[in-house]
Amino acid sequence: MIKLLLVEDDSTFSYIVKNELQEIIGGYEVITATNGAEGLKAWKEYHPDIIISDIDMPVMNGYQMVERIREMDGDTPILFTSALTSPKDVKEGYKLGVNNYVKKPFVPDELDAHIHAILKMKAGVKLRNENEHYALGRFTLDAKHATLHNNENGENKTLTVREAQILQLLCENINEIVERKAILSRFWNTEDDYFASRSLDVFITNLRKSLKDEPLIELKNIRGVGFVLLLS
């Protein structure tokens, strides 16, 4: 059973989310708090497996709470649920150490899926199929052989090894933001080198060109944060 701390100032919404999560098979033990100060206290007392928090709250908002937690705990996953999802808001959250965002309104099953994805990544579970093939609309990425196969005309486009690696990482986190610094750290062993960052931008541009014929795919830049591969 997952021990979850839900920090939400809307008591009705909190009640609904708590009850529906606790009814999901596998179950959650849900602890609730109505603002960031209460959330900080509950985190210290209950040591939850994951924290789900609103941003705009009285007494102490979500940003302030996360900043305090991350001063002492860089491990517990934190997910923001909020209507505040402008690039500025998203950037601020990721800068403080939030793992992901879910935009309100949402259904508990959607939240449940995000939670399990985050916990799997934390546990080191690979979110990929064994043969390293990824379906992207009319394309299939063969990460092992660095090729992008067009299922309609049978053509294969050869990618560079680094292009294939970056696209594979984005596929493993489909529809989720992958931070720029995480990509740089993984493939360039740095988080803030200017030339590595510009090189990454070139690879992203090349991948966009390779995927441009598939309308269901969008490789989006979240300015100041990272990239997300959207599959509709």
C-alpha atoms as a PDB file:
ATOM      1  CA  MET A   1       0.000   0.000   0.000  1.00  0.00           C
ATOM      2  CA  ILE A   2       1.340   3.440  -0.977  1.00  0.00           C
ATOM      3  CA  LYS A   3       1.524   6.017   1.806  1.00  0.00           C
ATOM      4  CA  LEU A   4       0.470   9.299   0.195  1.00  0.00           C
ATOM      5  CA  LEU A   5       0.445  12.824   1.612  1.00  0.00           C
ATOM      6  CA  LEU A   6      -2.235  14.979  -0.068  1.00  0.00           C
ATOM      7  CA  VAL A   7      -1.795  18.728   0.539  1.00  0.00           C
ATOM      8  CA  GLU A   8      -4.906  20.568  -0.689  1.00  0.00           C
ATOM      9  CA  ASP A   9      -6.792  23.565   0.729  1.00  0.00           C
ATOM     10  CA  ASP A  10     -10.090  22.741  -1.036  1.00  0.00           C
ATOM     11  CA  SER A  11     -11.682  20.396   1.519  1.00  0.00           C
ATOM     12  CA  THR A  12     -14.331  19.058  -0.876  1.00  0.00           C
ATOM     13  CA  PHE A  13     -11.795  18.265  -3.598  1.00  0.00           C
ATOM     14  CA  SER A  14      -9.440  16.724  -1.031  1.00  0.00           C
ATOM     15  CA  TYR A  15     -12.221  14.501   0.309  1.00  0.00           C
ATOM     16  CA  ILE A  16     -13.145  13.272  -3.181  1.00  0.00           C
ATOM     17  CA  VAL A  17      -9.536  12.534  -4.210  1.00  0.00           C
ATOM     18  CA  LYS A  18      -8.756  10.795  -0.912  1.00  0.00           C
ATOM     19  CA  ASN A  19     -11.821   8.521  -1.074  1.00  0.00           C
ATOM     20  CA  GLU A  20     -11.353   7.594  -4.714  1.00  0.00           C
ATOM     21  CA  LEU A  21      -7.642   6.862  -4.294  1.00  0.00           C
ATOM     22  CA  GLN A  22      -8.351   4.649  -1.293  1.00  0.00           C
ATOM     23  CA  GLU A  23     -10.849   2.671  -3.383  1.00  0.00           C
ATOM     24  CA  ILE A  24      -8.322   1.916  -6.134  1.00  0.00           C
ATOM     25  CA  ILE A  25      -7.176  -1.710  -6.134  1.00  0.00           C
ATOM     26  CA  GLY A  26      -3.819  -1.961  -4.399  1.00  0.00           C
ATOM     27  CA  GLY A  27      -4.836   0.987  -2.317  1.00  0.00           C
ATOM     28  CA  TYR A  28      -3.427   4.089  -0.769  1.00  0.00           C
ATOM     29  CA  GLU A  29      -3.037   5.194   2.795  1.00  0.00           C
ATOM     30  CA  VAL A  30      -3.866   8.892   2.392  1.00  0.00           C
ATOM     31  CA  ILE A  31      -2.829  11.552   4.897  1.00  0.00           C
ATOM     32  CA  THR A  32      -4.277  15.017   4.233  1.00  0.00           C
ATOM     33  CA  ALA A  33      -3.139  18.553   5.011  1.00  0.00           C
ATOM     34  CA  THR A  34      -4.851  21.846   4.167  1.00  0.00           C
ATOM     35  CA  ASN A  35      -1.801  24.042   3.539  1.00  0.00           C
ATOM     36  CA  GLY A  36       1.965  23.892   3.134  1.00  0.00           C
ATOM     37  CA  ALA A  37       2.693  24.335   6.842  1.00  0.00           C
ATOM     38  CA  GLU A  38       0.477  21.363   7.727  1.00  0.00           C
ATOM     39  CA  GLY A  39       1.978  19.441   4.837  1.00  0.00           C
ATOM     40  CA  LEU A  40       5.505  20.082   6.104  1.00  0.00           C
ATOM     41  CA  LYS A  41       4.518  18.852   9.572  1.00  0.00           C
ATOM     42  CA  ALA A  42       2.792  15.740   8.152  1.00  0.00           C
ATOM     43  CA  TRP A  43       5.829  14.943   5.974  1.00  0.00           C
ATOM     44  CA  LYS A  44       8.068  15.002   9.067  1.00  0.00           C
ATOM     45  CA  GLU A  45       5.687  12.816  11.090  1.00  0.00           C
ATOM     46  CA  TYR A  46       4.485  10.236   8.554  1.00  0.00           C
ATOM     47  CA  HIS A  47       7.366   9.893   6.043  1.00  0.00           C
ATOM     48  CA  PRO A  48       5.084   9.373   2.992  1.00  0.00           C
ATOM     49  CA  ASP A  49       6.124   7.474  -0.136  1.00  0.00           C
ATOM     50  CA  ILE A  50       4.938  10.368  -2.300  1.00  0.00           C
ATOM     51  CA  ILE A  51       3.581  13.904  -1.827  1.00  0.00           C
ATOM     52  CA  ILE A  52       0.752  15.315  -3.938  1.00  0.00           C
ATOM     53  CA  SER A  53       0.339  19.046  -3.442  1.00  0.00           C
ATOM     54  CA  ASP A  54      -1.590  22.048  -4.659  1.00  0.00           C
ATOM     55  CA  ILE A  55       0.402  25.255  -5.232  1.00  0.00           C
ATOM     56  CA  ASP A  56      -1.843  28.188  -4.311  1.00  0.00           C
ATOM     57  CA  MET A  57      -2.659  27.681  -0.607  1.00  0.00           C
ATOM     58  CA  PRO A  58      -2.903  29.886   2.504  1.00  0.00           C
ATOM     59  CA  VAL A  59      -0.332  30.076   5.332  1.00  0.00           C
ATOM     60  CA  MET A  60       2.378  28.384   3.254  1.00  0.00           C
ATOM     61  CA  ASN A  61       2.032  27.729  -0.476  1.00  0.00           C
ATOM     62  CA  GLY A  62       3.222  24.672  -2.361  1.00  0.00           C
ATOM     63  CA  TYR A  63       6.442  26.276  -3.607  1.00  0.00           C
ATOM     64  CA  GLN A  64       7.460  27.253  -0.072  1.00  0.00           C
ATOM     65  CA  MET A  65       6.660  23.794   1.275  1.00  0.00           C
ATOM     66  CA  VAL A  66       8.657  22.032  -1.442  1.00  0.00           C
ATOM     67  CA  GLU A  67      11.611  24.346  -0.907  1.00  0.00           C
ATOM     68  CA  ARG A  68      11.649  23.488   2.811  1.00  0.00           C
ATOM     69  CA  ILE A  69      11.316  19.746   2.154  1.00  0.00           C
ATOM     70  CA  ARG A  70      14.049  19.718  -0.472  1.00  0.00           C
ATOM     71  CA  GLU A  71      16.458  21.332   1.972  1.00  0.00           C
ATOM     72  CA  MET A  72      16.333  18.056   3.927  1.00  0.00           C
ATOM     73  CA  ASP A  73      14.918  15.434   1.547  1.00  0.00           C
ATOM     74  CA  GLY A  74      15.855  15.129  -2.092  1.00  0.00           C
ATOM     75  CA  ASP A  75      14.402  11.656  -2.488  1.00  0.00           C
ATOM     76  CA  THR A  76      10.645  11.654  -1.767  1.00  0.00           C
ATOM     77  CA  PRO A  77       8.750  12.197  -5.054  1.00  0.00           C
ATOM     78  CA  ILE A  78       6.595  15.342  -5.142  1.00  0.00           C
ATOM     79  CA  LEU A  79       3.876  15.952  -7.699  1.00  0.00           C
ATOM     80  CA  PHE A  80       2.052  19.266  -8.118  1.00  0.00           C
ATOM     81  CA  THR A  81      -1.657  19.257  -8.999  1.00  0.00           C
ATOM     82  CA  SER A  82      -2.654  22.739 -10.061  1.00  0.00           C
ATOM     83  CA  ALA A  83      -4.305  24.956 -12.631  1.00  0.00           C
ATOM     84  CA  LEU A  84      -1.057  26.976 -12.550  1.00  0.00           C
ATOM     85  CA  THR A  85       0.764  25.398 -15.487  1.00  0.00           C
ATOM     86  CA  SER A  86       2.216  28.367 -17.349  1.00  0.00           C
ATOM     87  CA  PRO A  87       5.867  27.929 -18.413  1.00  0.00           C
ATOM     88  CA  LYS A  88       6.869  30.234 -15.535  1.00  0.00           C
ATOM     89  CA  ASP A  89       4.951  28.164 -12.979  1.00  0.00           C
ATOM     90  CA  VAL A  90       6.287  24.865 -14.340  1.00  0.00           C
ATOM     91  CA  LYS A  91       9.848  26.195 -14.383  1.00  0.00           C
ATOM     92  CA  GLU A  92       9.573  27.375 -10.775  1.00  0.00           C
ATOM     93  CA  GLY A  93       8.302  23.993  -9.598  1.00  0.00           C
ATOM     94  CA  TYR A  94      11.002  21.984 -11.339  1.00  0.00           C
ATOM     95  CA  LYS A  95      13.659  24.413 -10.116  1.00  0.00           C
ATOM     96  CA  LEU A  96      12.590  23.692  -6.538  1.00  0.00           C
ATOM     97  CA  GLY A  97      12.632  19.917  -7.077  1.00  0.00           C
ATOM     98  CA  VAL A  98       9.112  18.840  -8.067  1.00  0.00           C
ATOM     99  CA  ASN A  99       9.053  15.584 -10.059  1.00  0.00           C
ATOM    100  CA  ASN A 100       5.973  16.256 -12.176  1.00  0.00           C
ATOM    101  CA  TYR A 101       2.789  18.250 -12.730  1.00  0.00           C
ATOM    102  CA  VAL A 102      -0.825  17.158 -13.217  1.00  0.00           C
ATOM    103  CA  LYS A 103      -3.153  19.880 -14.417  1.00  0.00           C
ATOM    104  CA  LYS A 104      -6.477  20.358 -12.657  1.00  0.00           C
ATOM    105  CA  PRO A 105      -9.114  19.173 -13.191  1.00  0.00           C
ATOM    106  CA  PHE A 106      -8.094  15.511 -13.325  1.00  0.00           C
ATOM    107  CA  VAL A 107      -9.607  12.142 -12.488  1.00  0.00           C
ATOM    108  CA  PRO A 108      -8.068   9.990  -9.717  1.00  0.00           C
ATOM    109  CA  ASP A 109      -7.197   7.220 -12.206  1.00  0.00           C
ATOM    110  CA  GLU A 110      -5.017   9.722 -14.079  1.00  0.00           C
ATOM    111  CA  LEU A 111      -3.296  10.708 -10.841  1.00  0.00           C
ATOM    112  CA  ASP A 112      -2.831   7.036  -9.979  1.00  0.00           C
ATOM    113  CA  ALA A 113      -1.065   6.440 -13.306  1.00  0.00           C
ATOM    114  CA  HIS A 114       1.315   9.356 -12.733  1.00  0.00           C
ATOM    115  CA  ILE A 115       2.076   8.169  -9.205  1.00  0.00           C
ATOM    116  CA  HIS A 116       2.968   4.646 -10.297  1.00  0.00           C
ATOM    117  CA  ALA A 117       5.123   5.961 -13.158  1.00  0.00           C
ATOM    118  CA  ILE A 118       7.090   8.173 -10.771  1.00  0.00           C
ATOM    119  CA  LEU A 119       7.524   5.409  -8.197  1.00  0.00           C
ATOM    120  CA  LYS A 120       8.677   2.961 -10.880  1.00  0.00           C
ATOM    121  CA  MET A 121      11.292   5.436 -12.078  1.00  0.00           C
ATOM    122  CA  LYS A 122      12.410   6.002  -8.477  1.00  0.00           C
ATOM    123  CA  ALA A 123      12.778   2.252  -8.017  1.00  0.00           C
ATOM    124  CA  GLY A 124      14.831   1.999 -11.201  1.00  0.00           C
ATOM    125  CA  VAL A 125      12.251   0.045 -13.200  1.00  0.00           C
ATOM    126  CA  LYS A 126      12.862   0.479 -16.893  1.00  0.00           C
ATOM    127  CA  LEU A 127       9.818   1.848 -18.657  1.00  0.00           C
ATOM    128  CA  ARG A 128      10.639   0.354 -22.018  1.00  0.00           C
ATOM    129  CA  ASN A 129      10.001  -2.827 -23.924  1.00  0.00           C
ATOM    130  CA  GLU A 130      12.764  -5.410 -24.020  1.00  0.00           C
ATOM    131  CA  ASN A 131      13.590  -5.109 -27.707  1.00  0.00           C
ATOM    132  CA  GLU A 132      13.860  -1.306 -27.432  1.00  0.00           C
ATOM    133  CA  HIS A 133      11.183  -0.624 -30.067  1.00  0.00           C
ATOM    134  CA  TYR A 134       8.846   2.335 -29.519  1.00  0.00           C
ATOM    135  CA  ALA A 135       5.659   3.077 -31.485  1.00  0.00           C
ATOM    136  CA  LEU A 136       5.374   6.730 -32.536  1.00  0.00           C
ATOM    137  CA  GLY A 137       2.343   6.942 -34.789  1.00  0.00           C
ATOM    138  CA  ARG A 138       3.410   5.899 -38.267  1.00  0.00           C
ATOM    139  CA  PHE A 139       7.012   5.557 -37.040  1.00  0.00           C
ATOM    140  CA  THR A 140       8.749   2.928 -34.937  1.00  0.00           C
ATOM    141  CA  LEU A 141      11.969   3.795 -33.160  1.00  0.00           C
ATOM    142  CA  ASP A 142      14.509   0.978 -33.055  1.00  0.00           C
ATOM    143  CA  ALA A 143      16.738   2.438 -30.366  1.00  0.00           C
ATOM    144  CA  LYS A 144      19.219  -0.421 -30.405  1.00  0.00           C
ATOM    145  CA  HIS A 145      20.009   0.071 -34.100  1.00  0.00           C
ATOM    146  CA  ALA A 146      19.405   3.863 -34.140  1.00  0.00           C
ATOM    147  CA  THR A 147      16.785   3.783 -36.878  1.00  0.00           C
ATOM    148  CA  LEU A 148      13.350   5.311 -37.326  1.00  0.00           C
ATOM    149  CA  HIS A 149      11.124   3.025 -39.399  1.00  0.00           C
ATOM    150  CA  ASN A 150       8.230   4.453 -41.423  1.00  0.00           C
ATOM    151  CA  ASN A 151       5.491   1.822 -41.145  1.00  0.00           C
ATOM    152  CA  GLU A 152       3.588   3.253 -44.131  1.00  0.00           C
ATOM    153  CA  ASN A 153       6.259   3.234 -46.832  1.00  0.00           C
ATOM    154  CA  GLY A 154       8.786   0.879 -45.242  1.00  0.00           C
ATOM    155  CA  GLU A 155      11.606   3.410 -45.292  1.00  0.00           C
ATOM    156  CA  ASN A 156      14.241   3.502 -42.552  1.00  0.00           C
ATOM    157  CA  LYS A 157      15.848   6.742 -41.458  1.00  0.00           C
ATOM    158  CA  THR A 158      19.215   6.366 -39.781  1.00  0.00           C
ATOM    159  CA  LEU A 159      19.683   8.416 -36.630  1.00  0.00           C
ATOM    160  CA  THR A 160      22.906   9.234 -34.890  1.00  0.00           C
ATOM    161  CA  VAL A 161      23.532   7.217 -31.740  1.00  0.00           C
ATOM    162  CA  ARG A 162      22.980  10.316 -29.607  1.00  0.00           C
ATOM    163  CA  GLU A 163      19.737  11.187 -31.411  1.00  0.00           C
ATOM    164  CA  ALA A 164      18.462   7.659 -30.794  1.00  0.00           C
ATOM    165  CA  GLN A 165      19.476   7.824 -27.126  1.00  0.00           C
ATOM    166  CA  ILE A 166      17.683  11.131 -26.554  1.00  0.00           C
ATOM    167  CA  LEU A 167      14.572   9.999 -28.400  1.00  0.00           C
ATOM    168  CA  GLN A 168      14.550   6.739 -26.443  1.00  0.00           C
ATOM    169  CA  LEU A 169      14.680   8.664 -23.166  1.00  0.00           C
ATOM    170  CA  LEU A 170      11.773  10.837 -24.292  1.00  0.00           C
ATOM    171  CA  CYS A 171       9.831   7.727 -25.364  1.00  0.00           C
ATOM    172  CA  GLU A 172      10.398   6.140 -21.952  1.00  0.00           C
ATOM    173  CA  ASN A 173       8.791   9.254 -20.447  1.00  0.00           C
ATOM    174  CA  ILE A 174       6.131   9.837 -23.111  1.00  0.00           C
ATOM    175  CA  ASN A 175       3.896  12.858 -22.371  1.00  0.00           C
ATOM    176  CA  GLU A 176       6.107  13.709 -19.370  1.00  0.00           C
ATOM    177  CA  ILE A 177       8.610  16.554 -19.167  1.00  0.00           C
ATOM    178  CA  VAL A 178      12.245  15.454 -19.140  1.00  0.00           C
ATOM    179  CA  GLU A 179      14.431  18.167 -17.667  1.00  0.00           C
ATOM    180  CA  ARG A 180      17.176  19.626 -19.832  1.00  0.00           C
ATOM    181  CA  LYS A 181      19.707  19.204 -17.015  1.00  0.00           C
ATOM    182  CA  ALA A 182      18.757  15.525 -16.674  1.00  0.00           C
ATOM    183  CA  ILE A 183      19.493  14.926 -20.367  1.00  0.00           C
ATOM    184  CA  LEU A 184      22.769  16.854 -20.160  1.00  0.00           C
ATOM    185  CA  SER A 185      23.810  14.962 -17.047  1.00  0.00           C
ATOM    186  CA  ARG A 186      23.011  11.592 -18.599  1.00  0.00           C
ATOM    187  CA  PHE A 187      24.660  12.064 -21.979  1.00  0.00           C
ATOM    188  CA  TRP A 188      27.201  14.887 -21.493  1.00  0.00           C
ATOM    189  CA  ASN A 189      28.089  14.463 -17.783  1.00  0.00           C
ATOM    190  CA  THR A 190      27.195  18.085 -17.092  1.00  0.00           C
ATOM    191  CA  GLU A 191      24.088  20.061 -16.185  1.00  0.00           C
ATOM    192  CA  ASP A 192      24.984  23.587 -17.274  1.00  0.00           C
ATOM    193  CA  ASP A 193      27.756  23.563 -19.890  1.00  0.00           C
ATOM    194  CA  TYR A 194      26.847  26.101 -22.601  1.00  0.00           C
ATOM    195  CA  PHE A 195      28.264  24.158 -25.539  1.00  0.00           C
ATOM    196  CA  ALA A 196      26.684  20.867 -24.416  1.00  0.00           C
ATOM    197  CA  SER A 197      23.345  22.662 -24.074  1.00  0.00           C
ATOM    198  CA  ARG A 198      23.593  24.108 -27.582  1.00  0.00           C
ATOM    199  CA  SER A 199      24.563  20.669 -28.908  1.00  0.00           C
ATOM    200  CA  LEU A 200      21.434  19.233 -27.273  1.00  0.00           C
ATOM    201  CA  ASP A 201      19.320  21.875 -29.033  1.00  0.00           C
ATOM    202  CA  VAL A 202      20.772  20.760 -32.382  1.00  0.00           C
ATOM    203  CA  PHE A 203      19.862  17.133 -31.689  1.00  0.00           C
ATOM    204  CA  ILE A 204      16.319  18.165 -30.700  1.00  0.00           C
ATOM    205  CA  THR A 205      15.964  20.178 -33.935  1.00  0.00           C
ATOM    206  CA  ASN A 206      17.103  17.166 -35.977  1.00  0.00           C
ATOM    207  CA  LEU A 207      14.638  14.888 -34.178  1.00  0.00           C
ATOM    208  CA  ARG A 208      11.786  17.321 -34.888  1.00  0.00           C
ATOM    209  CA  LYS A 209      12.670  17.190 -38.575  1.00  0.00           C
ATOM    210  CA  SER A 210      12.712  13.392 -38.497  1.00  0.00           C
ATOM    211  CA  LEU A 211       9.265  13.249 -36.870  1.00  0.00           C
ATOM    212  CA  LYS A 212       7.630  16.137 -38.765  1.00  0.00           C
ATOM    213  CA  ASP A 213       5.516  13.874 -41.011  1.00  0.00           C
ATOM    214  CA  GLU A 214       3.646  12.393 -38.034  1.00  0.00           C
ATOM    215  CA  PRO A 215       0.872  14.793 -36.868  1.00  0.00           C
ATOM    216  CA  LEU A 216       0.216  12.748 -33.711  1.00  0.00           C
ATOM    217  CA  ILE A 217       3.721  13.500 -32.406  1.00  0.00           C
ATOM    218  CA  GLU A 218       4.992  16.813 -31.053  1.00  0.00           C
ATOM    219  CA  LEU A 219       8.433  17.316 -29.564  1.00  0.00           C
ATOM    220  CA  LYS A 220       7.921  20.379 -27.422  1.00  0.00           C
ATOM    221  CA  ASN A 221      10.413  22.628 -25.694  1.00  0.00           C
ATOM    222  CA  ILE A 222       9.332  23.804 -22.226  1.00  0.00           C
ATOM    223  CA  ARG A 223      11.486  26.913 -22.051  1.00  0.00           C
ATOM    224  CA  GLY A 224      13.930  26.881 -19.177  1.00  0.00           C
ATOM    225  CA  VAL A 225      12.818  23.423 -18.037  1.00  0.00           C
ATOM    226  CA  GLY A 226      13.239  20.688 -20.642  1.00  0.00           C
ATOM    227  CA  PHE A 227      11.451  18.738 -23.350  1.00  0.00           C
ATOM    228  CA  VAL A 228       8.330  16.622 -23.665  1.00  0.00           C
ATOM    229  CA  LEU A 229       7.400  14.146 -26.407  1.00  0.00           C
ATOM    230  CA  LEU A 230       3.635  14.428 -26.820  1.00  0.00           C
ATOM    231  CA  LEU A 231       1.742  11.539 -28.391  1.00  0.00           C
ATOM    232  CA  SER A 232      -1.960  12.231 -28.999  1.00  0.00           C
END
